[in-house]
Amino acid sequence: MTFTDLARKEAAVFWEGSFEHPFVQSLAAGDLAPEIFRYYLLQDRYYLEHFSKLYSYIAEQTDDKEVQAQLQENAENLKLGELAIREEFFTELNITEEEILATPVAPTAYNYVSHMYRQLIDGTFKTAYAGMLPCAWLYQEIGVRLIETGSPHPLYQRWIETYAGEAAAEGIKKERALLDRLYQEASAKEQQQMIEAFVISSKMEYAFWEMATNLEKW
């Protein structure tokens, strides 16, 4: 099996949990509580800030030109797409800099980001890159599932549309192929670490919905 097929199989229970999570289902139904979506956005801001930095940090650890180019493309797409949408959401919801500073980072958001940084310290660029994939790939699959019916809530519909397009699908296809190649070139130890990094990130994605739904605090 390829890396992405194997990793996806190992993390299946957490992906299915995300697809069926009340946060995601309520987003599609349009009845997700505004305070929950707001809290999600505030925590996601912290997460995406570091997610963007990690693309650069991982690129610095390798001479693989294809990996460097893909990570640079990912960072640019994140800036033009997801981060731009988040800025629009913050403006529409009047989420101010003061509110951002006054909102502590939730345990799950902190732990997820820490997990990805740990791959850079205890692992290799391959394990770090593997830990990044579940976020984009899972959201793309959620977008494809939800776009079929859409959401009656305009803001939630725009969230869905961010991940449901052909560009997102093509991006995931390229990343999967690249990580499959890196897995084949990796040592047995690295291969196991890549799987573990992917599965932990998948667990954290599920925990992120829980965090927002419960307005998780320390």
C-alpha atoms as a PDB file:
ATOM      1  CA  MET A   1       0.000   0.000   0.000  1.00  0.00           C
ATOM      2  CA  THR A   2       1.083   3.576  -0.541  1.00  0.00           C
ATOM      3  CA  PHE A   3       1.765   5.819   2.433  1.00  0.00           C
ATOM      4  CA  THR A   4      -1.435   7.802   2.048  1.00  0.00           C
ATOM      5  CA  ASP A   5      -3.590   4.699   1.623  1.00  0.00           C
ATOM      6  CA  LEU A   6      -2.002   3.054   4.651  1.00  0.00           C
ATOM      7  CA  ALA A   7      -2.115   6.183   6.812  1.00  0.00           C
ATOM      8  CA  ARG A   8      -5.705   6.908   5.844  1.00  0.00           C
ATOM      9  CA  LYS A   9      -6.658   3.353   6.797  1.00  0.00           C
ATOM     10  CA  GLU A  10      -4.884   3.617  10.159  1.00  0.00           C
ATOM     11  CA  ALA A  11      -6.647   6.910  10.948  1.00  0.00           C
ATOM     12  CA  ALA A  12     -10.062   5.922   9.547  1.00  0.00           C
ATOM     13  CA  VAL A  13     -11.944   5.964  12.857  1.00  0.00           C
ATOM     14  CA  PHE A  14     -10.910   9.562  13.528  1.00  0.00           C
ATOM     15  CA  TRP A  15     -11.803  10.684  10.013  1.00  0.00           C
ATOM     16  CA  GLU A  16     -15.227   9.108  10.247  1.00  0.00           C
ATOM     17  CA  GLY A  17     -15.616  10.753  13.632  1.00  0.00           C
ATOM     18  CA  SER A  18     -14.864  14.116  12.031  1.00  0.00           C
ATOM     19  CA  PHE A  19     -17.354  13.566   9.209  1.00  0.00           C
ATOM     20  CA  GLU A  20     -20.101  12.770  11.710  1.00  0.00           C
ATOM     21  CA  HIS A  21     -19.123  15.244  14.404  1.00  0.00           C
ATOM     22  CA  PRO A  22     -21.951  17.546  15.602  1.00  0.00           C
ATOM     23  CA  PHE A  23     -19.820  20.604  14.752  1.00  0.00           C
ATOM     24  CA  VAL A  24     -19.521  19.552  11.113  1.00  0.00           C
ATOM     25  CA  GLN A  25     -23.112  18.363  10.862  1.00  0.00           C
ATOM     26  CA  SER A  26     -24.445  21.575  12.432  1.00  0.00           C
ATOM     27  CA  LEU A  27     -22.279  23.618  10.088  1.00  0.00           C
ATOM     28  CA  ALA A  28     -24.026  21.946   7.153  1.00  0.00           C
ATOM     29  CA  ALA A  29     -27.463  22.268   8.752  1.00  0.00           C
ATOM     30  CA  GLY A  30     -26.832  25.955   9.375  1.00  0.00           C
ATOM     31  CA  ASP A  31     -27.672  25.776  13.071  1.00  0.00           C
ATOM     32  CA  LEU A  32     -24.172  25.738  14.544  1.00  0.00           C
ATOM     33  CA  ALA A  33     -24.216  28.106  17.517  1.00  0.00           C
ATOM     34  CA  PRO A  34     -22.503  31.405  16.610  1.00  0.00           C
ATOM     35  CA  GLU A  35     -20.382  31.401  19.778  1.00  0.00           C
ATOM     36  CA  ILE A  36     -19.023  27.956  18.870  1.00  0.00           C
ATOM     37  CA  PHE A  37     -18.077  29.009  15.344  1.00  0.00           C
ATOM     38  CA  ARG A  38     -16.513  32.174  16.729  1.00  0.00           C
ATOM     39  CA  TYR A  39     -14.427  30.202  19.218  1.00  0.00           C
ATOM     40  CA  TYR A  40     -13.396  27.814  16.461  1.00  0.00           C
ATOM     41  CA  LEU A  41     -12.192  30.727  14.325  1.00  0.00           C
ATOM     42  CA  LEU A  42     -10.195  32.234  17.177  1.00  0.00           C
ATOM     43  CA  GLN A  43      -8.432  28.958  17.887  1.00  0.00           C
ATOM     44  CA  ASP A  44      -7.990  28.208  14.191  1.00  0.00           C
ATOM     45  CA  ARG A  45      -6.255  31.573  13.791  1.00  0.00           C
ATOM     46  CA  TYR A  46      -3.535  30.415  16.198  1.00  0.00           C
ATOM     47  CA  TYR A  47      -3.298  27.054  14.485  1.00  0.00           C
ATOM     48  CA  LEU A  48      -3.058  28.459  10.941  1.00  0.00           C
ATOM     49  CA  GLU A  49      -0.484  31.039  11.978  1.00  0.00           C
ATOM     50  CA  HIS A  50       1.868  28.225  12.951  1.00  0.00           C
ATOM     51  CA  PHE A  51       0.742  25.931  10.154  1.00  0.00           C
ATOM     52  CA  SER A  52       1.926  28.543   7.665  1.00  0.00           C
ATOM     53  CA  LYS A  53       5.299  28.901   9.414  1.00  0.00           C
ATOM     54  CA  LEU A  54       5.794  25.151   9.451  1.00  0.00           C
ATOM     55  CA  TYR A  55       5.785  24.991   5.658  1.00  0.00           C
ATOM     56  CA  SER A  56       8.883  27.202   5.643  1.00  0.00           C
ATOM     57  CA  TYR A  57      10.553  25.406   8.536  1.00  0.00           C
ATOM     58  CA  ILE A  58      10.118  22.015   6.879  1.00  0.00           C
ATOM     59  CA  ALA A  59      11.440  23.320   3.560  1.00  0.00           C
ATOM     60  CA  GLU A  60      14.596  24.487   5.330  1.00  0.00           C
ATOM     61  CA  GLN A  61      15.337  20.922   6.444  1.00  0.00           C
ATOM     62  CA  THR A  62      15.545  19.390   2.985  1.00  0.00           C
ATOM     63  CA  ASP A  63      17.388  19.820  -0.314  1.00  0.00           C
ATOM     64  CA  ASP A  64      14.568  18.052  -2.173  1.00  0.00           C
ATOM     65  CA  LYS A  65      13.546  20.636  -4.764  1.00  0.00           C
ATOM     66  CA  GLU A  66      10.135  19.089  -5.386  1.00  0.00           C
ATOM     67  CA  VAL A  67       9.323  19.207  -1.673  1.00  0.00           C
ATOM     68  CA  GLN A  68      10.536  22.784  -1.363  1.00  0.00           C
ATOM     69  CA  ALA A  69       8.458  23.879  -4.348  1.00  0.00           C
ATOM     70  CA  GLN A  70       5.342  22.122  -3.040  1.00  0.00           C
ATOM     71  CA  LEU A  71       5.692  23.612   0.430  1.00  0.00           C
ATOM     72  CA  GLN A  72       6.162  27.082  -1.065  1.00  0.00           C
ATOM     73  CA  GLU A  73       3.045  26.540  -3.183  1.00  0.00           C
ATOM     74  CA  ASN A  74       1.125  25.358  -0.126  1.00  0.00           C
ATOM     75  CA  ALA A  75       2.110  28.441   1.851  1.00  0.00           C
ATOM     76  CA  GLU A  76       1.049  30.738  -0.987  1.00  0.00           C
ATOM     77  CA  ASN A  77      -2.267  28.936  -1.467  1.00  0.00           C
ATOM     78  CA  LEU A  78      -2.936  29.119   2.254  1.00  0.00           C
ATOM     79  CA  LYS A  79      -2.324  32.848   2.198  1.00  0.00           C
ATOM     80  CA  LEU A  80      -4.515  33.474  -0.844  1.00  0.00           C
ATOM     81  CA  GLY A  81      -7.288  31.090   0.136  1.00  0.00           C
ATOM     82  CA  GLU A  82      -7.921  29.953   3.676  1.00  0.00           C
ATOM     83  CA  LEU A  83      -6.211  32.817   5.497  1.00  0.00           C
ATOM     84  CA  ALA A  84      -7.926  35.396   3.281  1.00  0.00           C
ATOM     85  CA  ILE A  85     -11.328  33.842   4.007  1.00  0.00           C
ATOM     86  CA  ARG A  86     -10.573  33.847   7.723  1.00  0.00           C
ATOM     87  CA  GLU A  87      -9.787  37.579   7.558  1.00  0.00           C
ATOM     88  CA  GLU A  88     -13.162  38.176   5.911  1.00  0.00           C
ATOM     89  CA  PHE A  89     -14.896  36.152   8.619  1.00  0.00           C
ATOM     90  CA  PHE A  90     -13.137  38.121  11.349  1.00  0.00           C
ATOM     91  CA  THR A  91     -14.208  41.385   9.738  1.00  0.00           C
ATOM     92  CA  GLU A  92     -17.834  40.304   9.319  1.00  0.00           C
ATOM     93  CA  LEU A  93     -18.045  38.983  12.872  1.00  0.00           C
ATOM     94  CA  ASN A  94     -16.207  41.992  14.273  1.00  0.00           C
ATOM     95  CA  ILE A  95     -13.508  39.864  15.868  1.00  0.00           C
ATOM     96  CA  THR A  96     -11.007  42.474  16.939  1.00  0.00           C
ATOM     97  CA  GLU A  97      -7.332  42.315  17.796  1.00  0.00           C
ATOM     98  CA  GLU A  98      -8.317  42.978  21.393  1.00  0.00           C
ATOM     99  CA  GLU A  99     -10.554  39.904  21.417  1.00  0.00           C
ATOM    100  CA  ILE A 100      -7.828  37.789  19.850  1.00  0.00           C
ATOM    101  CA  LEU A 101      -5.331  38.833  22.511  1.00  0.00           C
ATOM    102  CA  ALA A 102      -7.875  38.289  25.276  1.00  0.00           C
ATOM    103  CA  THR A 103      -8.709  34.734  24.148  1.00  0.00           C
ATOM    104  CA  PRO A 104      -6.280  32.144  25.569  1.00  0.00           C
ATOM    105  CA  VAL A 105      -5.111  29.399  23.264  1.00  0.00           C
ATOM    106  CA  ALA A 106      -7.154  26.287  24.071  1.00  0.00           C
ATOM    107  CA  PRO A 107      -5.368  23.083  25.173  1.00  0.00           C
ATOM    108  CA  THR A 108      -6.205  21.182  21.979  1.00  0.00           C
ATOM    109  CA  ALA A 109      -5.007  23.961  19.669  1.00  0.00           C
ATOM    110  CA  TYR A 110      -1.817  24.261  21.702  1.00  0.00           C
ATOM    111  CA  ASN A 111      -1.219  20.514  21.738  1.00  0.00           C
ATOM    112  CA  TYR A 112      -1.885  20.102  18.018  1.00  0.00           C
ATOM    113  CA  VAL A 113       0.607  22.803  17.091  1.00  0.00           C
ATOM    114  CA  SER A 114       3.131  21.384  19.575  1.00  0.00           C
ATOM    115  CA  HIS A 115       2.750  17.942  18.010  1.00  0.00           C
ATOM    116  CA  MET A 116       3.645  19.288  14.569  1.00  0.00           C
ATOM    117  CA  TYR A 117       6.660  21.205  15.855  1.00  0.00           C
ATOM    118  CA  ARG A 118       7.822  18.072  17.646  1.00  0.00           C
ATOM    119  CA  GLN A 119       8.101  16.299  14.303  1.00  0.00           C
ATOM    120  CA  LEU A 120      10.739  18.861  13.333  1.00  0.00           C
ATOM    121  CA  ILE A 121      12.723  18.187  16.501  1.00  0.00           C
ATOM    122  CA  ASP A 122      12.360  14.448  17.075  1.00  0.00           C
ATOM    123  CA  GLY A 123      11.731  13.368  13.483  1.00  0.00           C
ATOM    124  CA  THR A 124      12.740  14.373   9.970  1.00  0.00           C
ATOM    125  CA  PHE A 125      11.335  16.636   7.290  1.00  0.00           C
ATOM    126  CA  LYS A 126       9.422  13.598   6.022  1.00  0.00           C
ATOM    127  CA  THR A 127       7.710  12.931   9.347  1.00  0.00           C
ATOM    128  CA  ALA A 128       6.987  16.638   9.791  1.00  0.00           C
ATOM    129  CA  TYR A 129       5.439  16.848   6.326  1.00  0.00           C
ATOM    130  CA  ALA A 130       3.373  13.711   6.966  1.00  0.00           C
ATOM    131  CA  GLY A 131       1.932  15.345  10.090  1.00  0.00           C
ATOM    132  CA  MET A 132       0.781  18.331   8.032  1.00  0.00           C
ATOM    133  CA  LEU A 133      -1.278  16.401   5.485  1.00  0.00           C
ATOM    134  CA  PRO A 134      -4.392  15.437   7.511  1.00  0.00           C
ATOM    135  CA  CYS A 135      -5.502  19.043   7.947  1.00  0.00           C
ATOM    136  CA  ALA A 136      -5.743  19.913   4.258  1.00  0.00           C
ATOM    137  CA  TRP A 137      -6.843  16.447   3.131  1.00  0.00           C
ATOM    138  CA  LEU A 138      -9.566  16.005   5.757  1.00  0.00           C
ATOM    139  CA  TYR A 139     -10.993  19.485   5.155  1.00  0.00           C
ATOM    140  CA  GLN A 140     -11.038  18.835   1.413  1.00  0.00           C
ATOM    141  CA  GLU A 141     -13.017  15.640   1.928  1.00  0.00           C
ATOM    142  CA  ILE A 142     -15.391  17.408   4.304  1.00  0.00           C
ATOM    143  CA  GLY A 143     -15.891  20.157   1.740  1.00  0.00           C
ATOM    144  CA  VAL A 144     -16.722  17.644  -0.999  1.00  0.00           C
ATOM    145  CA  ARG A 145     -19.241  15.879   1.239  1.00  0.00           C
ATOM    146  CA  LEU A 146     -20.960  19.027   2.463  1.00  0.00           C
ATOM    147  CA  ILE A 147     -21.102  20.881  -0.847  1.00  0.00           C
ATOM    148  CA  GLU A 148     -23.606  18.342  -2.168  1.00  0.00           C
ATOM    149  CA  THR A 149     -26.319  19.850   0.008  1.00  0.00           C
ATOM    150  CA  GLY A 150     -24.595  23.033   1.138  1.00  0.00           C
ATOM    151  CA  SER A 151     -25.524  25.087   4.157  1.00  0.00           C
ATOM    152  CA  PRO A 152     -28.382  27.585   4.445  1.00  0.00           C
ATOM    153  CA  HIS A 153     -26.139  29.812   6.534  1.00  0.00           C
ATOM    154  CA  PRO A 154     -24.148  32.110   4.169  1.00  0.00           C
ATOM    155  CA  LEU A 155     -21.034  32.190   6.347  1.00  0.00           C
ATOM    156  CA  TYR A 156     -20.972  28.441   6.815  1.00  0.00           C
ATOM    157  CA  GLN A 157     -21.580  27.942   3.104  1.00  0.00           C
ATOM    158  CA  ARG A 158     -18.511  30.017   2.298  1.00  0.00           C
ATOM    159  CA  TRP A 159     -16.495  27.917   4.744  1.00  0.00           C
ATOM    160  CA  ILE A 160     -17.601  24.779   2.879  1.00  0.00           C
ATOM    161  CA  GLU A 161     -16.835  26.277  -0.530  1.00  0.00           C
ATOM    162  CA  THR A 162     -13.275  27.055   0.567  1.00  0.00           C
ATOM    163  CA  TYR A 163     -12.464  23.341   0.560  1.00  0.00           C
ATOM    164  CA  ALA A 164     -14.800  21.855  -2.035  1.00  0.00           C
ATOM    165  CA  GLY A 165     -13.313  23.143  -5.285  1.00  0.00           C
ATOM    166  CA  GLU A 166     -11.256  21.412  -7.948  1.00  0.00           C
ATOM    167  CA  ALA A 167      -8.140  23.356  -6.961  1.00  0.00           C
ATOM    168  CA  ALA A 168      -8.239  21.888  -3.462  1.00  0.00           C
ATOM    169  CA  ALA A 169      -8.717  18.384  -4.860  1.00  0.00           C
ATOM    170  CA  GLU A 170      -5.832  18.792  -7.286  1.00  0.00           C
ATOM    171  CA  GLY A 171      -3.597  20.114  -4.512  1.00  0.00           C
ATOM    172  CA  ILE A 172      -4.302  17.093  -2.335  1.00  0.00           C
ATOM    173  CA  LYS A 173      -3.615  14.755  -5.250  1.00  0.00           C
ATOM    174  CA  LYS A 174      -0.179  16.321  -5.728  1.00  0.00           C
ATOM    175  CA  GLU A 175       0.653  16.204  -2.034  1.00  0.00           C
ATOM    176  CA  ARG A 176      -0.396  12.590  -1.720  1.00  0.00           C
ATOM    177  CA  ALA A 177       1.802  11.589  -4.628  1.00  0.00           C
ATOM    178  CA  LEU A 178       4.766  13.456  -3.173  1.00  0.00           C
ATOM    179  CA  LEU A 179       4.378  11.939   0.288  1.00  0.00           C
ATOM    180  CA  ASP A 180       3.922   8.496  -1.227  1.00  0.00           C
ATOM    181  CA  ARG A 181       7.270   8.961  -2.965  1.00  0.00           C
ATOM    182  CA  LEU A 182       8.964  10.194   0.247  1.00  0.00           C
ATOM    183  CA  TYR A 183       7.622   7.190   2.125  1.00  0.00           C
ATOM    184  CA  GLN A 184       9.123   4.804  -0.404  1.00  0.00           C
ATOM    185  CA  GLU A 185      12.495   6.532  -0.008  1.00  0.00           C
ATOM    186  CA  ALA A 186      12.338   6.565   3.806  1.00  0.00           C
ATOM    187  CA  SER A 187      13.942   4.157   6.225  1.00  0.00           C
ATOM    188  CA  ALA A 188      11.738   1.697   8.090  1.00  0.00           C
ATOM    189  CA  LYS A 189      11.963   3.899  11.193  1.00  0.00           C
ATOM    190  CA  GLU A 190      11.005   7.002   9.228  1.00  0.00           C
ATOM    191  CA  GLN A 191       8.099   5.173   7.627  1.00  0.00           C
ATOM    192  CA  GLN A 192       6.694   4.259  11.017  1.00  0.00           C
ATOM    193  CA  GLN A 193       7.175   7.808  12.271  1.00  0.00           C
ATOM    194  CA  MET A 194       5.375   9.168   9.200  1.00  0.00           C
ATOM    195  CA  ILE A 195       2.377   6.947   9.896  1.00  0.00           C
ATOM    196  CA  GLU A 196       2.371   7.899  13.583  1.00  0.00           C
ATOM    197  CA  ALA A 197       2.596  11.618  12.783  1.00  0.00           C
ATOM    198  CA  PHE A 198      -0.323  11.346  10.354  1.00  0.00           C
ATOM    199  CA  VAL A 199      -2.498   9.382  12.789  1.00  0.00           C
ATOM    200  CA  ILE A 200      -1.844  11.740  15.700  1.00  0.00           C
ATOM    201  CA  SER A 201      -2.719  14.732  13.526  1.00  0.00           C
ATOM    202  CA  SER A 202      -5.931  12.963  12.522  1.00  0.00           C
ATOM    203  CA  LYS A 203      -6.769  12.447  16.194  1.00  0.00           C
ATOM    204  CA  MET A 204      -6.106  16.125  16.833  1.00  0.00           C
ATOM    205  CA  GLU A 205      -8.387  17.144  13.952  1.00  0.00           C
ATOM    206  CA  TYR A 206     -11.238  15.278  15.620  1.00  0.00           C
ATOM    207  CA  ALA A 207     -10.294  16.825  18.971  1.00  0.00           C
ATOM    208  CA  PHE A 208     -10.381  20.289  17.361  1.00  0.00           C
ATOM    209  CA  TRP A 209     -14.128  19.966  16.669  1.00  0.00           C
ATOM    210  CA  GLU A 210     -14.602  18.830  20.264  1.00  0.00           C
ATOM    211  CA  MET A 211     -12.574  21.766  21.517  1.00  0.00           C
ATOM    212  CA  ALA A 212     -14.738  24.281  19.679  1.00  0.00           C
ATOM    213  CA  THR A 213     -18.027  22.605  20.587  1.00  0.00           C
ATOM    214  CA  ASN A 214     -17.127  22.548  24.279  1.00  0.00           C
ATOM    215  CA  LEU A 215     -15.503  25.998  24.254  1.00  0.00           C
ATOM    216  CA  GLU A 216     -12.546  24.205  25.782  1.00  0.00           C
ATOM    217  CA  LYS A 217     -10.464  26.000  28.385  1.00  0.00           C
ATOM    218  CA  TRP A 218      -7.485  25.056  30.506  1.00  0.00           C
END
